[in-house]
């Protein structure tokens, strides 16, 4: 019986070691390599019944308009430079609001959204949430904040088959990301994280209100220079 227990523990340790090694191999290379595809892209393709066309054009960090990057951070995750992948203040605020009967608000950070978009299937389950936590930790430990934001701005969904800031700019405004006005950047950022429900080129009053709020938040943060310390 003792030998069986030892053998079982040994196999379990080997399985854990193999899982950790595999996940590291899935994450670490993308500190330097640009991911050609993500799980969200695969999900959209599988559900498209053959009508999926991918719009994406990668922008390296130096080519990303910093005002547009700031607009996304202001909209999605203003504590992005400070946290280690999880915004516990936002999580507690969302839970308190839910306990009072209000709608449960999302509290996902940009790092968590990168983990979900790149590695996980759509839907909700405890298994998926656990894997999201694990991949978020690995991404935070191995990539650095600048790389995480660069990847997010290139894989975020901004329309049917439209992924990344450059493709979004061309799809919605018929111009490159470098030519976006501050308001257009704020409109694009304000459609996240539900881009399929909004049209930034023909914004409804609610989206316009969010875009104006976004511009105010950018100024409150100090402008694009606020992103300079990211490494």
C-alpha atoms as a PDB file:
ATOM      1  CA  UNK A   1       0.000   0.000   0.000  1.00  0.00           C
ATOM      2  CA  UNK A   2       2.855   2.389   0.849  1.00  0.00           C
ATOM      3  CA  UNK A   3       4.540   1.663  -2.458  1.00  0.00           C
ATOM      4  CA  UNK A   4       1.276   2.383  -4.284  1.00  0.00           C
ATOM      5  CA  UNK A   5       0.915   5.740  -2.514  1.00  0.00           C
ATOM      6  CA  UNK A   6       4.499   6.668  -3.313  1.00  0.00           C
ATOM      7  CA  UNK A   7       3.995   5.702  -6.943  1.00  0.00           C
ATOM      8  CA  UNK A   8       0.773   7.705  -7.126  1.00  0.00           C
ATOM      9  CA  UNK A   9       2.438  10.789  -5.610  1.00  0.00           C
ATOM     10  CA  UNK A  10       5.348  10.428  -8.034  1.00  0.00           C
ATOM     11  CA  UNK A  11       3.009  10.284 -11.032  1.00  0.00           C
ATOM     12  CA  UNK A  12       1.030  13.265  -9.771  1.00  0.00           C
ATOM     13  CA  UNK A  13       4.223  15.277  -9.358  1.00  0.00           C
ATOM     14  CA  UNK A  14       5.292  14.321 -12.871  1.00  0.00           C
ATOM     15  CA  UNK A  15       1.916  15.421 -14.247  1.00  0.00           C
ATOM     16  CA  UNK A  16       2.167  18.761 -12.431  1.00  0.00           C
ATOM     17  CA  UNK A  17       5.740  19.260 -13.647  1.00  0.00           C
ATOM     18  CA  UNK A  18       4.714  18.442 -17.218  1.00  0.00           C
ATOM     19  CA  UNK A  19       1.765  20.875 -17.034  1.00  0.00           C
ATOM     20  CA  UNK A  20       3.977  23.665 -15.673  1.00  0.00           C
ATOM     21  CA  UNK A  21       6.635  23.039 -18.331  1.00  0.00           C
ATOM     22  CA  UNK A  22       4.047  22.991 -21.122  1.00  0.00           C
ATOM     23  CA  UNK A  23       2.423  26.230 -19.972  1.00  0.00           C
ATOM     24  CA  UNK A  24       5.825  27.922 -19.738  1.00  0.00           C
ATOM     25  CA  UNK A  25       6.568  26.830 -23.307  1.00  0.00           C
ATOM     26  CA  UNK A  26       3.215  28.312 -24.345  1.00  0.00           C
ATOM     27  CA  UNK A  27       3.911  31.682 -22.716  1.00  0.00           C
ATOM     28  CA  UNK A  28       7.629  32.481 -22.581  1.00  0.00           C
ATOM     29  CA  UNK A  29       8.377  32.555 -26.370  1.00  0.00           C
ATOM     30  CA  UNK A  30       5.805  35.310 -26.883  1.00  0.00           C
ATOM     31  CA  UNK A  31       7.907  37.667 -24.849  1.00  0.00           C
ATOM     32  CA  UNK A  32       9.810  38.029 -28.136  1.00  0.00           C
ATOM     33  CA  UNK A  33       7.595  36.428 -30.816  1.00  0.00           C
ATOM     34  CA  UNK A  34       4.330  37.937 -32.036  1.00  0.00           C
ATOM     35  CA  UNK A  35       1.470  35.432 -31.675  1.00  0.00           C
ATOM     36  CA  UNK A  36       0.115  34.576 -35.129  1.00  0.00           C
ATOM     37  CA  UNK A  37      -3.261  33.465 -33.796  1.00  0.00           C
ATOM     38  CA  UNK A  38      -5.256  33.430 -30.556  1.00  0.00           C
ATOM     39  CA  UNK A  39      -7.957  31.243 -29.078  1.00  0.00           C
ATOM     40  CA  UNK A  40     -10.537  34.005 -29.588  1.00  0.00           C
ATOM     41  CA  UNK A  41      -9.635  34.149 -33.273  1.00  0.00           C
ATOM     42  CA  UNK A  42      -9.949  30.364 -33.469  1.00  0.00           C
ATOM     43  CA  UNK A  43     -13.327  30.504 -31.736  1.00  0.00           C
ATOM     44  CA  UNK A  44     -14.613  33.132 -34.169  1.00  0.00           C
ATOM     45  CA  UNK A  45     -13.378  31.078 -37.106  1.00  0.00           C
ATOM     46  CA  UNK A  46     -14.997  27.865 -35.848  1.00  0.00           C
ATOM     47  CA  UNK A  47     -18.335  29.595 -35.306  1.00  0.00           C
ATOM     48  CA  UNK A  48     -18.301  31.482 -38.608  1.00  0.00           C
ATOM     49  CA  UNK A  49     -19.388  28.584 -40.850  1.00  0.00           C
ATOM     50  CA  UNK A  50     -16.682  29.429 -43.363  1.00  0.00           C
ATOM     51  CA  UNK A  51     -17.342  33.191 -43.572  1.00  0.00           C
ATOM     52  CA  UNK A  52     -14.497  34.316 -41.324  1.00  0.00           C
ATOM     53  CA  UNK A  53     -11.868  36.708 -42.638  1.00  0.00           C
ATOM     54  CA  UNK A  54      -9.128  37.856 -40.290  1.00  0.00           C
ATOM     55  CA  UNK A  55      -8.213  41.547 -40.291  1.00  0.00           C
ATOM     56  CA  UNK A  56      -4.996  42.124 -38.378  1.00  0.00           C
ATOM     57  CA  UNK A  57      -1.793  44.073 -38.908  1.00  0.00           C
ATOM     58  CA  UNK A  58       0.786  43.946 -36.131  1.00  0.00           C
ATOM     59  CA  UNK A  59       2.183  47.172 -34.707  1.00  0.00           C
ATOM     60  CA  UNK A  60       5.386  46.980 -32.685  1.00  0.00           C
ATOM     61  CA  UNK A  61       5.486  49.070 -29.524  1.00  0.00           C
ATOM     62  CA  UNK A  62       7.409  51.939 -31.147  1.00  0.00           C
ATOM     63  CA  UNK A  63       4.773  52.177 -33.895  1.00  0.00           C
ATOM     64  CA  UNK A  64       1.763  52.186 -31.570  1.00  0.00           C
ATOM     65  CA  UNK A  65       0.323  55.701 -31.095  1.00  0.00           C
ATOM     66  CA  UNK A  66       0.791  56.297 -27.392  1.00  0.00           C
ATOM     67  CA  UNK A  67      -2.354  58.419 -27.165  1.00  0.00           C
ATOM     68  CA  UNK A  68      -4.377  55.454 -28.436  1.00  0.00           C
ATOM     69  CA  UNK A  69      -2.599  53.128 -26.002  1.00  0.00           C
ATOM     70  CA  UNK A  70      -3.387  55.497 -23.149  1.00  0.00           C
ATOM     71  CA  UNK A  71      -7.043  55.620 -24.238  1.00  0.00           C
ATOM     72  CA  UNK A  72      -7.266  51.827 -23.927  1.00  0.00           C
ATOM     73  CA  UNK A  73      -5.593  51.784 -20.500  1.00  0.00           C
ATOM     74  CA  UNK A  74      -7.852  54.615 -19.300  1.00  0.00           C
ATOM     75  CA  UNK A  75     -10.887  52.651 -20.416  1.00  0.00           C
ATOM     76  CA  UNK A  76      -9.883  49.152 -19.341  1.00  0.00           C
ATOM     77  CA  UNK A  77      -7.345  49.138 -16.526  1.00  0.00           C
ATOM     78  CA  UNK A  78      -6.093  52.369 -14.973  1.00  0.00           C
ATOM     79  CA  UNK A  79      -4.065  50.511 -12.341  1.00  0.00           C
ATOM     80  CA  UNK A  80      -2.264  48.517 -15.035  1.00  0.00           C
ATOM     81  CA  UNK A  81       1.243  49.857 -14.233  1.00  0.00           C
ATOM     82  CA  UNK A  82       0.834  49.176 -10.497  1.00  0.00           C
ATOM     83  CA  UNK A  83      -0.798  45.759 -10.130  1.00  0.00           C
ATOM     84  CA  UNK A  84       0.740  42.332 -10.684  1.00  0.00           C
ATOM     85  CA  UNK A  85      -1.996  41.023 -12.945  1.00  0.00           C
ATOM     86  CA  UNK A  86      -5.017  41.346 -10.655  1.00  0.00           C
ATOM     87  CA  UNK A  87      -6.766  44.510  -9.496  1.00  0.00           C
ATOM     88  CA  UNK A  88      -8.004  43.407  -6.088  1.00  0.00           C
ATOM     89  CA  UNK A  89      -9.558  46.802  -5.352  1.00  0.00           C
ATOM     90  CA  UNK A  90     -11.694  46.513  -8.481  1.00  0.00           C
ATOM     91  CA  UNK A  91     -12.614  42.916  -7.624  1.00  0.00           C
ATOM     92  CA  UNK A  92     -13.741  43.914  -4.117  1.00  0.00           C
ATOM     93  CA  UNK A  93     -15.729  46.864  -5.491  1.00  0.00           C
ATOM     94  CA  UNK A  94     -17.480  44.595  -8.002  1.00  0.00           C
ATOM     95  CA  UNK A  95     -18.290  42.024  -5.302  1.00  0.00           C
ATOM     96  CA  UNK A  96     -19.665  44.688  -2.951  1.00  0.00           C
ATOM     97  CA  UNK A  97     -21.875  46.057  -5.728  1.00  0.00           C
ATOM     98  CA  UNK A  98     -23.112  42.541  -6.527  1.00  0.00           C
ATOM     99  CA  UNK A  99     -23.911  41.903  -2.847  1.00  0.00           C
ATOM    100  CA  UNK A 100     -26.194  44.955  -2.926  1.00  0.00           C
ATOM    101  CA  UNK A 101     -28.157  43.541  -5.826  1.00  0.00           C
ATOM    102  CA  UNK A 102     -26.430  45.508  -8.548  1.00  0.00           C
ATOM    103  CA  UNK A 103     -25.254  43.907 -11.789  1.00  0.00           C
ATOM    104  CA  UNK A 104     -21.925  42.116 -11.434  1.00  0.00           C
ATOM    105  CA  UNK A 105     -19.295  44.308 -13.052  1.00  0.00           C
ATOM    106  CA  UNK A 106     -16.225  42.949 -14.748  1.00  0.00           C
ATOM    107  CA  UNK A 107     -12.911  43.518 -12.981  1.00  0.00           C
ATOM    108  CA  UNK A 108     -10.544  41.871 -15.457  1.00  0.00           C
ATOM    109  CA  UNK A 109      -7.199  43.546 -15.971  1.00  0.00           C
ATOM    110  CA  UNK A 110      -5.475  43.916 -19.321  1.00  0.00           C
ATOM    111  CA  UNK A 111      -3.155  41.067 -18.293  1.00  0.00           C
ATOM    112  CA  UNK A 112      -6.133  38.799 -17.611  1.00  0.00           C
ATOM    113  CA  UNK A 113      -7.699  39.695 -20.934  1.00  0.00           C
ATOM    114  CA  UNK A 114      -4.478  38.807 -22.741  1.00  0.00           C
ATOM    115  CA  UNK A 115      -4.462  35.435 -20.959  1.00  0.00           C
ATOM    116  CA  UNK A 116      -8.111  34.774 -21.881  1.00  0.00           C
ATOM    117  CA  UNK A 117      -7.809  35.926 -25.482  1.00  0.00           C
ATOM    118  CA  UNK A 118      -4.626  34.025 -26.233  1.00  0.00           C
ATOM    119  CA  UNK A 119      -5.023  30.742 -24.396  1.00  0.00           C
ATOM    120  CA  UNK A 120      -8.577  30.018 -23.274  1.00  0.00           C
ATOM    121  CA  UNK A 121     -11.953  29.111 -24.673  1.00  0.00           C
ATOM    122  CA  UNK A 122     -14.985  31.373 -24.389  1.00  0.00           C
ATOM    123  CA  UNK A 123     -17.558  30.733 -21.688  1.00  0.00           C
ATOM    124  CA  UNK A 124     -17.491  30.612 -17.909  1.00  0.00           C
ATOM    125  CA  UNK A 125     -16.363  27.843 -15.574  1.00  0.00           C
ATOM    126  CA  UNK A 126     -14.187  27.432 -12.512  1.00  0.00           C
ATOM    127  CA  UNK A 127     -11.645  25.492 -14.565  1.00  0.00           C
ATOM    128  CA  UNK A 128     -11.377  28.331 -17.056  1.00  0.00           C
ATOM    129  CA  UNK A 129     -11.056  30.893 -14.267  1.00  0.00           C
ATOM    130  CA  UNK A 130      -8.300  28.859 -12.635  1.00  0.00           C
ATOM    131  CA  UNK A 131      -6.374  28.601 -15.898  1.00  0.00           C
ATOM    132  CA  UNK A 132      -6.866  32.330 -16.437  1.00  0.00           C
ATOM    133  CA  UNK A 133      -5.240  33.041 -13.079  1.00  0.00           C
ATOM    134  CA  UNK A 134      -2.326  30.715 -13.877  1.00  0.00           C
ATOM    135  CA  UNK A 135      -1.652  32.135 -17.347  1.00  0.00           C
ATOM    136  CA  UNK A 136      -2.007  35.693 -16.043  1.00  0.00           C
ATOM    137  CA  UNK A 137       0.681  35.016 -13.439  1.00  0.00           C
ATOM    138  CA  UNK A 138       3.008  33.513 -16.041  1.00  0.00           C
ATOM    139  CA  UNK A 139       2.468  36.445 -18.421  1.00  0.00           C
ATOM    140  CA  UNK A 140       3.109  39.001 -15.688  1.00  0.00           C
ATOM    141  CA  UNK A 141       6.275  37.228 -14.539  1.00  0.00           C
ATOM    142  CA  UNK A 142       7.802  36.673 -17.975  1.00  0.00           C
ATOM    143  CA  UNK A 143       6.703  39.456 -20.354  1.00  0.00           C
ATOM    144  CA  UNK A 144       6.772  42.815 -18.600  1.00  0.00           C
ATOM    145  CA  UNK A 145       4.115  45.520 -18.724  1.00  0.00           C
ATOM    146  CA  UNK A 146       5.129  47.090 -22.026  1.00  0.00           C
ATOM    147  CA  UNK A 147       5.006  43.759 -23.851  1.00  0.00           C
ATOM    148  CA  UNK A 148       1.666  42.843 -22.268  1.00  0.00           C
ATOM    149  CA  UNK A 149       0.110  46.100 -23.462  1.00  0.00           C
ATOM    150  CA  UNK A 150       1.702  45.731 -26.906  1.00  0.00           C
ATOM    151  CA  UNK A 151       0.216  42.254 -27.313  1.00  0.00           C
ATOM    152  CA  UNK A 152      -3.189  43.356 -26.025  1.00  0.00           C
ATOM    153  CA  UNK A 153      -3.358  46.259 -28.477  1.00  0.00           C
ATOM    154  CA  UNK A 154      -2.625  43.830 -31.311  1.00  0.00           C
ATOM    155  CA  UNK A 155      -5.007  40.987 -30.391  1.00  0.00           C
ATOM    156  CA  UNK A 156      -7.993  42.797 -28.857  1.00  0.00           C
ATOM    157  CA  UNK A 157     -11.191  42.267 -30.825  1.00  0.00           C
ATOM    158  CA  UNK A 158     -12.693  45.410 -32.359  1.00  0.00           C
ATOM    159  CA  UNK A 159     -15.282  44.051 -34.758  1.00  0.00           C
ATOM    160  CA  UNK A 160     -16.214  40.951 -36.768  1.00  0.00           C
ATOM    161  CA  UNK A 161     -12.847  39.421 -37.630  1.00  0.00           C
ATOM    162  CA  UNK A 162     -11.105  42.684 -36.664  1.00  0.00           C
ATOM    163  CA  UNK A 163      -8.222  42.267 -34.243  1.00  0.00           C
ATOM    164  CA  UNK A 164      -5.734  44.843 -33.101  1.00  0.00           C
ATOM    165  CA  UNK A 165      -5.568  48.627 -33.122  1.00  0.00           C
ATOM    166  CA  UNK A 166      -4.297  49.026 -36.683  1.00  0.00           C
ATOM    167  CA  UNK A 167      -6.994  46.809 -38.202  1.00  0.00           C
ATOM    168  CA  UNK A 168      -9.638  48.510 -36.042  1.00  0.00           C
ATOM    169  CA  UNK A 169      -8.568  51.957 -37.194  1.00  0.00           C
ATOM    170  CA  UNK A 170      -8.674  50.966 -40.850  1.00  0.00           C
ATOM    171  CA  UNK A 171     -11.943  49.051 -40.500  1.00  0.00           C
ATOM    172  CA  UNK A 172     -13.887  51.707 -38.609  1.00  0.00           C
ATOM    173  CA  UNK A 173     -12.246  54.966 -39.722  1.00  0.00           C
ATOM    174  CA  UNK A 174     -10.457  54.086 -42.997  1.00  0.00           C
ATOM    175  CA  UNK A 175      -7.129  55.390 -41.740  1.00  0.00           C
ATOM    176  CA  UNK A 176      -4.024  54.062 -40.037  1.00  0.00           C
ATOM    177  CA  UNK A 177      -3.785  54.073 -36.260  1.00  0.00           C
ATOM    178  CA  UNK A 178      -1.122  56.780 -36.478  1.00  0.00           C
ATOM    179  CA  UNK A 179      -3.747  59.104 -37.993  1.00  0.00           C
ATOM    180  CA  UNK A 180      -6.422  58.623 -35.341  1.00  0.00           C
ATOM    181  CA  UNK A 181      -7.691  61.744 -33.633  1.00  0.00           C
ATOM    182  CA  UNK A 182      -7.883  61.772 -29.823  1.00  0.00           C
ATOM    183  CA  UNK A 183     -11.664  61.391 -30.014  1.00  0.00           C
ATOM    184  CA  UNK A 184     -11.438  58.452 -32.438  1.00  0.00           C
ATOM    185  CA  UNK A 185      -8.935  56.733 -30.139  1.00  0.00           C
ATOM    186  CA  UNK A 186     -11.268  57.328 -27.197  1.00  0.00           C
ATOM    187  CA  UNK A 187     -14.235  55.951 -29.154  1.00  0.00           C
ATOM    188  CA  UNK A 188     -12.338  52.784 -30.069  1.00  0.00           C
ATOM    189  CA  UNK A 189     -11.202  52.310 -26.476  1.00  0.00           C
ATOM    190  CA  UNK A 190     -14.720  52.911 -25.168  1.00  0.00           C
ATOM    191  CA  UNK A 191     -16.146  50.009 -27.173  1.00  0.00           C
ATOM    192  CA  UNK A 192     -14.051  47.582 -25.112  1.00  0.00           C
ATOM    193  CA  UNK A 193     -14.691  44.980 -23.772  1.00  0.00           C
ATOM    194  CA  UNK A 194     -17.895  44.615 -25.888  1.00  0.00           C
ATOM    195  CA  UNK A 195     -16.717  45.760 -29.333  1.00  0.00           C
ATOM    196  CA  UNK A 196     -19.306  43.766 -31.276  1.00  0.00           C
ATOM    197  CA  UNK A 197     -22.101  45.786 -29.660  1.00  0.00           C
ATOM    198  CA  UNK A 198     -20.852  49.254 -30.677  1.00  0.00           C
ATOM    199  CA  UNK A 199     -19.903  51.149 -33.815  1.00  0.00           C
ATOM    200  CA  UNK A 200     -17.258  53.773 -32.988  1.00  0.00           C
ATOM    201  CA  UNK A 201     -17.669  55.398 -36.418  1.00  0.00           C
ATOM    202  CA  UNK A 202     -21.390  55.974 -35.727  1.00  0.00           C
ATOM    203  CA  UNK A 203     -21.453  56.313 -31.963  1.00  0.00           C
ATOM    204  CA  UNK A 204     -24.674  56.333 -30.025  1.00  0.00           C
ATOM    205  CA  UNK A 205     -25.047  58.855 -27.167  1.00  0.00           C
ATOM    206  CA  UNK A 206     -23.947  56.319 -24.551  1.00  0.00           C
ATOM    207  CA  UNK A 207     -20.705  55.599 -26.411  1.00  0.00           C
ATOM    208  CA  UNK A 208     -20.056  59.312 -26.959  1.00  0.00           C
ATOM    209  CA  UNK A 209     -20.493  59.893 -23.241  1.00  0.00           C
ATOM    210  CA  UNK A 210     -18.001  57.135 -22.458  1.00  0.00           C
ATOM    211  CA  UNK A 211     -15.528  58.582 -24.990  1.00  0.00           C
ATOM    212  CA  UNK A 212     -15.684  62.036 -23.383  1.00  0.00           C
ATOM    213  CA  UNK A 213     -15.155  60.408 -19.981  1.00  0.00           C
ATOM    214  CA  UNK A 214     -12.168  58.559 -21.471  1.00  0.00           C
ATOM    215  CA  UNK A 215     -10.603  61.816 -22.667  1.00  0.00           C
ATOM    216  CA  UNK A 216     -11.037  63.301 -19.205  1.00  0.00           C
ATOM    217  CA  UNK A 217      -9.391  60.269 -17.633  1.00  0.00           C
ATOM    218  CA  UNK A 218      -6.439  60.533 -20.005  1.00  0.00           C
ATOM    219  CA  UNK A 219      -5.840  64.091 -18.898  1.00  0.00           C
ATOM    220  CA  UNK A 220      -6.257  63.132 -15.243  1.00  0.00           C
ATOM    221  CA  UNK A 221      -3.583  60.461 -15.667  1.00  0.00           C
ATOM    222  CA  UNK A 222      -1.220  63.030 -17.144  1.00  0.00           C
ATOM    223  CA  UNK A 223      -1.353  62.261 -20.864  1.00  0.00           C
ATOM    224  CA  UNK A 224       0.669  59.815 -22.929  1.00  0.00           C
ATOM    225  CA  UNK A 225       3.785  60.444 -20.837  1.00  0.00           C
ATOM    226  CA  UNK A 226       2.108  58.361 -18.118  1.00  0.00           C
ATOM    227  CA  UNK A 227       3.001  55.244 -20.162  1.00  0.00           C
ATOM    228  CA  UNK A 228       6.708  56.085 -20.367  1.00  0.00           C
ATOM    229  CA  UNK A 229       7.785  54.067 -17.270  1.00  0.00           C
ATOM    230  CA  UNK A 230       6.317  50.818 -18.651  1.00  0.00           C
ATOM    231  CA  UNK A 231       9.046  48.183 -19.142  1.00  0.00           C
END
